[in-house]
N, C-alpha and C. Protein backbone atom coordinates (compact mmCIF):
# COMPACT_ATOMS: atom_id res chain seq x y z
N MET A 1 98.44 94.81 74.22
CA MET A 1 99.28 95.52 75.28
C MET A 1 100.85 95.71 74.42
N PRO A 2 101.44 96.64 74.19
CA PRO A 2 102.65 96.65 73.86
C PRO A 2 103.87 95.78 74.39
N SER A 3 104.77 95.34 73.62
CA SER A 3 105.85 94.62 74.31
C SER A 3 106.65 95.62 74.89
N LEU A 4 107.08 95.40 76.34
CA LEU A 4 107.87 96.28 76.94
C LEU A 4 109.05 95.49 77.55
N ASN A 5 110.18 96.51 77.82
CA ASN A 5 111.26 95.90 78.39
C ASN A 5 111.75 96.45 79.85
N LEU A 6 112.20 95.54 80.39
CA LEU A 6 112.66 96.17 82.06
C LEU A 6 113.92 96.35 82.18
N LYS A 7 114.49 97.27 82.57
CA LYS A 7 116.11 97.42 83.21
C LYS A 7 116.17 97.89 84.78
N PHE A 8 116.81 97.09 85.27
CA PHE A 8 117.10 97.57 86.74
C PHE A 8 118.34 98.40 86.51
N VAL A 9 118.25 99.64 87.17
CA VAL A 9 119.32 100.69 87.11
C VAL A 9 119.44 101.63 88.43
N TYR A 10 119.09 100.82 89.52
CA TYR A 10 119.11 101.70 90.78
C TYR A 10 120.91 102.23 91.07
N GLY A 11 121.00 103.30 91.14
CA GLY A 11 122.19 104.23 91.41
C GLY A 11 123.03 104.06 90.12
N THR A 12 122.41 103.68 88.92
CA THR A 12 123.44 103.58 87.71
C THR A 12 122.49 104.36 86.71
N LEU A 13 121.56 105.37 86.83
CA LEU A 13 121.02 106.02 85.93
C LEU A 13 122.07 106.88 85.36
N SER A 14 121.99 107.17 83.97
CA SER A 14 122.81 108.11 83.00
C SER A 14 122.37 109.48 83.11
N PRO A 15 123.07 110.45 82.83
CA PRO A 15 122.34 111.76 83.01
C PRO A 15 121.12 111.84 81.91
N THR A 16 121.20 111.19 80.81
CA THR A 16 120.07 111.37 79.79
C THR A 16 119.04 110.66 80.33
N GLU A 17 119.08 109.42 80.87
CA GLU A 17 117.95 108.75 81.52
C GLU A 17 117.40 109.58 82.36
N LYS A 18 118.39 110.35 83.40
CA LYS A 18 117.59 111.26 84.35
C LYS A 18 116.99 112.23 83.70
N GLU A 19 117.41 112.76 82.50
CA GLU A 19 116.45 114.03 82.03
C GLU A 19 115.27 113.49 81.64
N SER A 20 115.38 112.05 80.92
CA SER A 20 114.10 111.64 80.25
C SER A 20 113.01 111.40 81.29
N VAL A 21 113.29 110.89 82.90
CA VAL A 21 112.76 110.28 83.73
C VAL A 21 111.86 111.71 84.18
N ILE A 22 112.80 113.00 84.39
CA ILE A 22 112.27 114.11 84.95
C ILE A 22 111.34 114.82 83.91
N HIS A 23 111.55 114.53 82.64
CA HIS A 23 110.47 115.09 81.76
C HIS A 23 109.14 114.34 81.70
N MET A 24 109.45 113.03 81.70
CA MET A 24 108.19 112.22 81.66
C MET A 24 107.33 112.63 83.16
N TRP A 25 107.82 112.65 84.20
CA TRP A 25 107.25 112.84 85.19
C TRP A 25 106.47 114.19 85.36
N THR A 26 107.32 115.68 84.81
CA THR A 26 106.82 116.92 84.92
C THR A 26 105.77 117.03 83.87
N THR A 27 105.90 116.21 82.71
CA THR A 27 105.04 116.44 81.69
C THR A 27 103.79 115.75 81.90
N ALA A 28 103.68 114.71 82.84
CA ALA A 28 102.64 114.03 83.25
C ALA A 28 102.14 114.54 84.43
N ARG A 29 102.79 115.68 85.07
CA ARG A 29 102.11 116.17 86.15
C ARG A 29 102.28 115.32 87.45
N VAL A 30 103.23 114.45 87.44
CA VAL A 30 103.23 113.11 88.34
C VAL A 30 103.60 114.20 89.54
N VAL A 31 104.80 114.78 89.53
CA VAL A 31 105.55 115.37 90.69
C VAL A 31 106.02 117.07 90.21
N PRO A 32 106.32 117.73 91.10
CA PRO A 32 107.01 119.12 90.36
C PRO A 32 108.33 119.05 90.11
N LEU A 33 108.81 119.88 89.45
CA LEU A 33 110.14 119.69 89.03
C LEU A 33 111.27 119.45 90.07
N GLN A 34 111.01 120.42 91.36
CA GLN A 34 112.30 120.29 92.17
C GLN A 34 111.93 118.88 92.87
N GLU A 35 110.74 118.33 93.16
CA GLU A 35 110.51 116.91 93.64
C GLU A 35 111.42 115.90 92.57
N ALA A 36 110.87 116.13 91.43
CA ALA A 36 111.52 115.28 90.31
C ALA A 36 113.01 115.27 90.40
N ILE A 37 113.64 116.17 90.69
CA ILE A 37 115.06 116.45 90.43
C ILE A 37 115.58 115.35 91.74
N LYS A 38 114.86 115.41 92.77
CA LYS A 38 115.35 114.74 94.08
C LYS A 38 115.01 113.34 93.78
N ARG A 39 113.74 113.04 93.36
CA ARG A 39 113.32 111.86 93.18
C ARG A 39 113.93 110.88 92.42
N VAL A 40 114.56 111.66 91.36
CA VAL A 40 115.16 110.59 90.28
C VAL A 40 116.21 109.99 90.48
N GLU A 41 116.62 110.27 91.92
CA GLU A 41 118.13 109.42 92.27
C GLU A 41 117.76 108.05 92.84
N GLN A 42 116.08 108.19 93.05
CA GLN A 42 115.47 106.63 93.55
C GLN A 42 114.96 105.81 92.48
N VAL A 43 115.24 106.17 91.39
CA VAL A 43 114.81 105.18 90.45
C VAL A 43 115.59 103.92 90.20
N SER A 44 114.57 102.98 90.44
CA SER A 44 115.45 101.51 90.61
C SER A 44 115.03 100.58 89.12
N SER A 45 113.91 100.88 88.44
CA SER A 45 113.67 100.11 87.24
C SER A 45 113.09 101.34 86.16
N LEU A 46 113.41 100.95 85.14
CA LEU A 46 112.66 101.67 83.75
C LEU A 46 112.11 100.48 83.13
N ILE A 47 111.05 100.98 82.75
CA ILE A 47 109.94 100.34 81.78
C ILE A 47 110.13 101.05 80.54
N LEU A 48 110.56 100.27 79.31
CA LEU A 48 111.06 100.64 78.11
C LEU A 48 110.24 99.99 77.16
N TYR A 49 109.64 101.07 76.00
CA TYR A 49 109.11 100.69 74.83
C TYR A 49 109.87 101.07 73.48
N ASN A 50 110.33 100.17 72.79
CA ASN A 50 111.21 100.88 71.67
C ASN A 50 112.44 102.02 72.47
N ASP A 51 112.89 101.77 73.56
CA ASP A 51 113.88 102.53 74.32
C ASP A 51 113.56 103.54 74.60
N GLU A 52 112.21 104.11 74.49
CA GLU A 52 111.65 105.09 75.36
C GLU A 52 111.04 104.75 76.80
N ILE A 53 111.64 105.52 77.54
CA ILE A 53 111.04 105.26 78.99
C ILE A 53 109.56 105.73 79.34
N VAL A 54 108.90 104.56 79.48
CA VAL A 54 107.36 104.91 79.53
C VAL A 54 107.12 104.36 80.84
N GLY A 55 107.77 104.18 81.80
CA GLY A 55 107.33 104.13 83.16
C GLY A 55 108.56 103.81 84.16
N VAL A 56 108.64 103.94 85.21
CA VAL A 56 109.92 104.10 86.26
C VAL A 56 109.01 103.39 87.66
N SER A 57 110.12 102.77 88.28
CA SER A 57 109.67 102.38 89.81
C SER A 57 110.88 103.30 90.36
N THR A 58 110.54 103.42 91.43
CA THR A 58 111.57 104.33 92.59
C THR A 58 111.15 103.51 93.80
N VAL A 59 112.40 103.28 94.67
CA VAL A 59 112.42 102.71 95.93
C VAL A 59 113.34 103.70 97.07
N TYR A 60 113.06 104.01 98.11
CA TYR A 60 113.81 104.55 99.31
C TYR A 60 113.62 103.93 100.23
N THR A 61 114.78 104.07 101.14
CA THR A 61 114.78 103.29 102.66
C THR A 61 114.20 104.02 103.67
N ASP A 62 113.41 103.28 104.77
CA ASP A 62 112.73 103.71 105.83
C ASP A 62 112.40 102.77 106.78
N ASP A 63 111.94 103.09 107.98
CA ASP A 63 111.78 101.93 108.71
C ASP A 63 110.26 101.64 108.70
N LEU A 64 110.14 100.41 109.27
CA LEU A 64 108.86 99.74 109.23
C LEU A 64 108.73 99.32 110.50
N SER A 65 108.38 100.23 111.58
CA SER A 65 108.27 100.13 112.89
C SER A 65 107.97 99.05 113.76
N LYS A 66 106.67 98.77 113.17
CA LYS A 66 106.11 97.23 113.92
C LYS A 66 106.58 96.07 113.52
N VAL A 67 107.39 96.10 112.47
CA VAL A 67 108.18 94.73 112.00
C VAL A 67 109.62 95.02 112.47
N GLY A 68 109.94 96.27 112.33
CA GLY A 68 111.39 96.61 112.86
C GLY A 68 112.25 96.45 111.73
N ASP A 69 113.22 97.39 111.67
CA ASP A 69 114.46 97.39 110.78
C ASP A 69 113.78 98.13 109.48
N THR A 70 114.96 98.33 108.66
CA THR A 70 114.94 99.38 107.25
C THR A 70 114.32 98.32 106.25
N TYR A 71 113.51 98.95 105.15
CA TYR A 71 112.98 98.13 104.20
C TYR A 71 113.20 99.28 103.15
N PHE A 72 113.02 98.72 102.04
CA PHE A 72 113.08 99.38 100.45
C PHE A 72 111.44 99.68 100.43
N PHE A 73 111.08 100.79 100.30
CA PHE A 73 109.45 101.37 99.91
C PHE A 73 109.64 101.69 98.41
N SER A 74 108.48 100.79 97.96
CA SER A 74 108.45 101.03 96.35
C SER A 74 107.39 101.72 95.92
N ARG A 75 107.45 102.55 95.06
CA ARG A 75 106.65 103.55 94.21
C ARG A 75 106.55 103.20 92.55
N MET A 76 105.73 103.39 92.00
CA MET A 76 105.76 103.09 90.52
C MET A 76 104.89 104.06 89.49
N PHE A 77 105.24 104.48 88.73
CA PHE A 77 104.57 105.35 87.41
C PHE A 77 104.89 104.66 86.27
N ILE A 78 103.34 104.77 85.47
CA ILE A 78 103.57 104.10 84.34
C ILE A 78 102.77 105.10 83.39
N LYS A 79 103.31 105.55 82.23
CA LYS A 79 102.33 106.20 81.49
C LYS A 79 101.20 105.56 81.18
N GLU A 80 100.15 106.25 80.99
CA GLU A 80 98.64 105.77 80.99
C GLU A 80 98.43 104.60 79.63
N ALA A 81 99.21 105.16 78.44
CA ALA A 81 98.81 104.48 77.43
C ALA A 81 99.42 102.81 77.59
N TYR A 82 100.26 102.71 78.74
CA TYR A 82 101.11 101.52 78.82
C TYR A 82 100.58 100.91 79.92
N ARG A 83 99.70 101.32 80.92
CA ARG A 83 98.78 100.70 81.98
C ARG A 83 98.13 99.64 81.84
N GLY A 84 97.62 98.98 82.99
CA GLY A 84 96.65 98.16 83.13
C GLY A 84 96.97 96.60 83.07
N SER A 85 98.24 96.50 83.06
CA SER A 85 98.70 95.03 83.24
C SER A 85 99.12 94.63 84.84
N ASN A 86 98.57 93.85 85.49
CA ASN A 86 99.15 93.21 86.61
C ASN A 86 100.42 92.57 86.58
N THR A 87 100.28 91.87 85.52
CA THR A 87 101.55 91.10 85.08
C THR A 87 102.61 92.06 85.02
N LEU A 88 102.83 93.35 84.35
CA LEU A 88 103.82 94.20 84.43
C LEU A 88 104.27 94.67 85.44
N ARG A 89 103.24 95.17 86.28
CA ARG A 89 103.40 95.28 87.80
C ARG A 89 104.40 94.50 88.65
N ALA A 90 103.74 93.25 88.37
CA ALA A 90 104.31 91.99 89.15
C ALA A 90 105.96 91.85 88.54
N LYS A 91 106.22 92.11 87.19
CA LYS A 91 107.63 91.75 86.89
C LYS A 91 108.23 92.68 87.13
N VAL A 92 107.82 94.07 87.35
CA VAL A 92 108.70 95.02 88.03
C VAL A 92 108.89 94.80 89.26
N LEU A 93 108.05 94.48 90.18
CA LEU A 93 108.26 94.13 91.51
C LEU A 93 109.05 93.03 91.74
N GLN A 94 109.12 92.08 91.01
CA GLN A 94 110.04 90.69 91.24
C GLN A 94 111.66 91.25 90.68
N LEU A 95 111.71 92.07 89.78
CA LEU A 95 112.94 92.78 89.29
C LEU A 95 113.45 93.46 90.42
N ASN A 96 112.47 94.19 91.22
CA ASN A 96 113.27 95.02 92.20
C ASN A 96 113.57 94.15 93.25
N PHE A 97 112.59 93.49 93.56
CA PHE A 97 112.98 92.55 94.57
C PHE A 97 114.18 91.58 94.68
N HIS A 98 114.52 90.98 93.73
CA HIS A 98 115.39 90.08 93.32
C HIS A 98 116.76 90.76 93.18
N GLU A 99 116.93 92.11 92.53
CA GLU A 99 118.10 92.77 92.47
C GLU A 99 118.49 93.36 93.66
N LEU A 100 117.49 93.86 94.41
CA LEU A 100 117.72 94.84 95.66
C LEU A 100 118.22 93.50 96.78
N LYS A 101 117.66 92.56 96.57
CA LYS A 101 118.17 91.47 97.82
C LYS A 101 119.38 91.12 97.33
N LYS A 102 119.98 90.91 96.17
CA LYS A 102 121.38 90.39 96.00
C LYS A 102 122.23 91.69 96.36
N ARG A 103 121.88 92.90 96.31
CA ARG A 103 122.70 93.99 96.47
C ARG A 103 122.96 94.25 97.96
N TYR A 104 121.58 94.41 98.43
CA TYR A 104 121.16 95.16 100.07
C TYR A 104 120.75 94.45 101.08
N GLU A 105 120.70 92.76 100.69
CA GLU A 105 119.96 92.10 101.82
C GLU A 105 120.77 92.26 103.49
N GLN A 106 121.63 92.77 103.32
CA GLN A 106 122.42 92.89 104.64
C GLN A 106 122.33 94.18 105.42
N GLN A 107 121.50 95.02 104.59
CA GLN A 107 121.47 96.48 105.22
C GLN A 107 119.73 96.67 105.10
N THR A 108 118.98 95.82 104.45
CA THR A 108 117.38 96.10 104.63
C THR A 108 117.01 94.68 104.28
N ASN A 109 115.43 94.87 104.87
CA ASN A 109 114.99 93.54 105.00
C ASN A 109 113.93 92.89 104.05
N GLY A 110 113.72 93.89 103.04
CA GLY A 110 112.55 93.40 102.33
C GLY A 110 112.10 94.82 101.42
N LEU A 111 110.94 94.58 101.07
CA LEU A 111 110.17 95.67 100.21
C LEU A 111 108.74 95.78 100.80
N VAL A 112 108.55 97.03 100.52
CA VAL A 112 107.25 97.37 100.88
C VAL A 112 106.48 98.28 99.69
N LEU A 113 105.33 97.97 99.56
CA LEU A 113 104.34 98.86 98.90
C LEU A 113 103.25 99.68 99.58
N GLU A 114 103.12 100.99 98.97
CA GLU A 114 102.14 101.68 99.66
C GLU A 114 101.27 101.89 98.71
N LEU A 115 99.82 101.37 98.76
CA LEU A 115 99.11 101.28 97.46
C LEU A 115 98.31 102.90 97.36
N GLU A 116 98.82 103.67 96.55
CA GLU A 116 98.57 105.01 96.21
C GLU A 116 97.35 105.24 95.37
N ASN A 117 97.34 104.35 94.27
CA ASN A 117 95.92 104.60 93.46
C ASN A 117 94.87 103.82 93.83
N ILE A 118 93.70 104.46 93.43
CA ILE A 118 92.30 103.59 93.83
C ILE A 118 92.36 102.21 93.29
N LYS A 119 92.65 102.11 92.07
CA LYS A 119 92.41 100.47 91.52
C LYS A 119 93.40 99.84 92.42
N LEU A 120 94.50 100.13 92.54
CA LEU A 120 95.61 98.86 93.67
C LEU A 120 95.04 98.96 94.81
N ALA A 121 94.73 100.15 95.36
CA ALA A 121 94.15 99.96 97.05
C ALA A 121 92.67 98.99 97.08
N ARG A 122 91.96 98.80 96.03
CA ARG A 122 91.03 97.98 95.63
C ARG A 122 91.49 96.39 95.64
N LEU A 123 92.36 96.51 95.07
CA LEU A 123 93.38 95.10 94.94
C LEU A 123 93.80 94.76 96.54
N GLY A 124 94.09 95.69 96.95
CA GLY A 124 94.64 95.55 98.56
C GLY A 124 93.54 95.04 99.74
N GLU A 125 92.46 95.76 99.23
CA GLU A 125 91.23 95.29 100.01
C GLU A 125 90.95 93.89 100.01
N ASN A 126 91.34 92.95 98.90
CA ASN A 126 90.81 91.75 98.59
C ASN A 126 92.48 91.24 99.17
N THR A 127 92.25 90.82 100.45
CA THR A 127 93.79 90.49 100.98
C THR A 127 93.93 88.91 100.62
N ASN A 128 93.34 88.10 100.37
CA ASN A 128 93.57 86.96 99.38
C ASN A 128 94.55 87.24 98.19
N TYR A 129 94.11 88.21 97.47
CA TYR A 129 94.89 88.70 96.51
C TYR A 129 96.48 89.00 96.54
N MET A 130 96.53 89.67 97.81
CA MET A 130 97.90 89.97 97.93
C MET A 130 98.61 89.32 98.57
N GLN A 131 97.90 88.48 99.60
CA GLN A 131 98.53 87.32 100.44
C GLN A 131 99.12 86.14 99.23
N LYS A 132 98.35 86.03 98.25
CA LYS A 132 98.57 84.78 97.36
C LYS A 132 100.11 85.35 96.53
N ARG A 133 100.08 86.50 96.20
CA ARG A 133 101.38 87.26 95.73
C ARG A 133 102.49 87.21 96.32
N GLY A 134 102.26 87.19 97.96
CA GLY A 134 103.37 86.89 98.61
C GLY A 134 103.59 88.12 99.64
N TYR A 135 102.62 88.93 99.61
CA TYR A 135 102.48 90.00 100.80
C TYR A 135 102.20 89.86 102.08
N THR A 136 102.50 90.66 102.87
CA THR A 136 101.90 90.47 104.23
C THR A 136 101.44 92.12 104.66
N TYR A 137 100.17 92.01 105.12
CA TYR A 137 99.63 93.26 105.20
C TYR A 137 100.36 93.89 106.70
N TYR A 138 100.81 95.17 106.59
CA TYR A 138 101.26 96.03 107.69
C TYR A 138 100.33 96.62 108.40
N GLY A 139 99.40 97.23 107.72
CA GLY A 139 98.53 98.20 108.39
C GLY A 139 98.61 99.66 107.09
N LYS A 140 98.29 100.68 108.00
CA LYS A 140 98.05 101.85 107.02
C LYS A 140 98.93 102.79 107.41
N SER A 141 99.68 103.65 106.14
CA SER A 141 100.53 104.66 106.54
C SER A 141 100.16 105.72 107.11
N GLN A 142 101.20 106.75 107.53
CA GLN A 142 100.58 107.95 108.09
C GLN A 142 99.25 108.74 106.99
N ARG A 143 99.65 108.47 105.64
CA ARG A 143 98.75 109.18 104.90
C ARG A 143 97.28 108.33 104.82
N GLY A 144 97.20 107.06 105.70
CA GLY A 144 96.23 106.51 105.29
C GLY A 144 95.91 105.45 104.36
N LEU A 145 97.00 105.24 103.80
CA LEU A 145 96.96 104.18 102.70
C LEU A 145 97.49 102.63 103.13
N GLN A 146 97.20 101.69 102.60
CA GLN A 146 97.63 100.33 102.63
C GLN A 146 99.21 100.31 102.70
N LEU A 147 99.62 99.73 103.53
CA LEU A 147 101.26 99.18 103.57
C LEU A 147 100.98 97.47 103.39
N TRP A 148 101.91 96.92 102.39
CA TRP A 148 102.19 95.65 102.26
C TRP A 148 103.50 95.28 102.12
N TYR A 149 104.13 94.31 102.77
CA TYR A 149 105.73 93.94 102.53
C TYR A 149 105.79 92.59 102.29
N VAL A 150 107.06 92.38 101.97
CA VAL A 150 107.63 91.03 101.80
C VAL A 150 109.02 91.13 102.14
N ARG A 151 109.56 90.02 102.92
CA ARG A 151 110.78 90.17 103.41
C ARG A 151 111.79 89.33 102.55
N PHE A 152 112.83 89.77 102.43
CA PHE A 152 114.11 89.31 101.69
C PHE A 152 114.30 87.76 101.85
N ASP A 153 114.28 87.54 103.63
CA ASP A 153 114.48 86.31 104.02
C ASP A 153 113.53 85.29 104.02
N GLU A 154 112.39 85.79 103.51
CA GLU A 154 111.37 84.73 103.41
C GLU A 154 110.41 85.20 102.16
N PRO A 155 110.71 84.93 101.02
CA PRO A 155 110.16 85.20 99.90
C PRO A 155 109.13 84.43 99.79
N LYS A 156 107.90 84.79 99.11
CA LYS A 156 106.62 83.88 99.27
C LYS A 156 106.02 84.54 97.87
N GLY A 157 105.11 83.70 97.33
CA GLY A 157 104.14 83.99 96.32
C GLY A 157 105.11 84.28 94.96
N ILE A 158 104.93 85.20 94.39
CA ILE A 158 105.50 85.60 93.13
C ILE A 158 107.10 86.01 93.35
N PHE A 159 107.41 86.32 94.40
CA PHE A 159 108.94 86.64 94.75
C PHE A 159 109.84 85.44 95.12
N LYS A 160 109.30 84.25 95.06
CA LYS A 160 109.80 82.81 95.00
C LYS A 160 110.65 83.00 93.78
N MET A 161 111.88 82.32 93.62
CA MET A 161 112.76 82.49 92.31
C MET A 161 111.95 81.32 91.40
N ASP A 162 111.29 80.53 91.81
CA ASP A 162 110.32 79.49 90.90
C ASP A 162 109.14 79.83 90.32
N ASN A 163 108.94 81.11 91.00
CA ASN A 163 107.75 81.90 90.48
C ASN A 163 107.86 82.93 89.67
N ILE A 164 109.11 83.08 89.19
CA ILE A 164 109.69 84.38 88.09
C ILE A 164 108.87 84.37 86.94
N THR A 165 108.16 85.37 86.76
CA THR A 165 107.40 84.97 85.21
C THR A 165 108.49 85.61 84.04
N GLU A 166 108.38 85.08 82.99
CA GLU A 166 109.22 85.51 81.89
C GLU A 166 108.41 86.54 81.01
């Protein structure tokens, strides 16, 4: 696995970075151009290889009705050649969790994952795997996908400050 760098950028993407993200998404056919133009404002973290953007995470706020209040919902896309590392995903989620908590803990309650791809959904079916990492199972989304969350005020598992990976 190549050496990758992470950069938290929520609300601070440069025009050049926005263009690069939109190009990456549309080239990989992740989302259509119009959706990419809207979604680029949600980019929270960049995954970089030699200063090239090879992945991003995005967040948007929404309500988690059974738990109450507002949470950040997180998505992630990584170019195929750079995928395959649970450690990379964990580091991106840790970065998002701690940076969003520092800035937005008064407005939001935590971070939610909607497990969109098949490989991650299989991990979610192993509730022990997810719970050990600090997630609480919420239920299914309207799209029928698993939702897992972690609260800013009670970080567990990989989200505790003493469990941050370098």
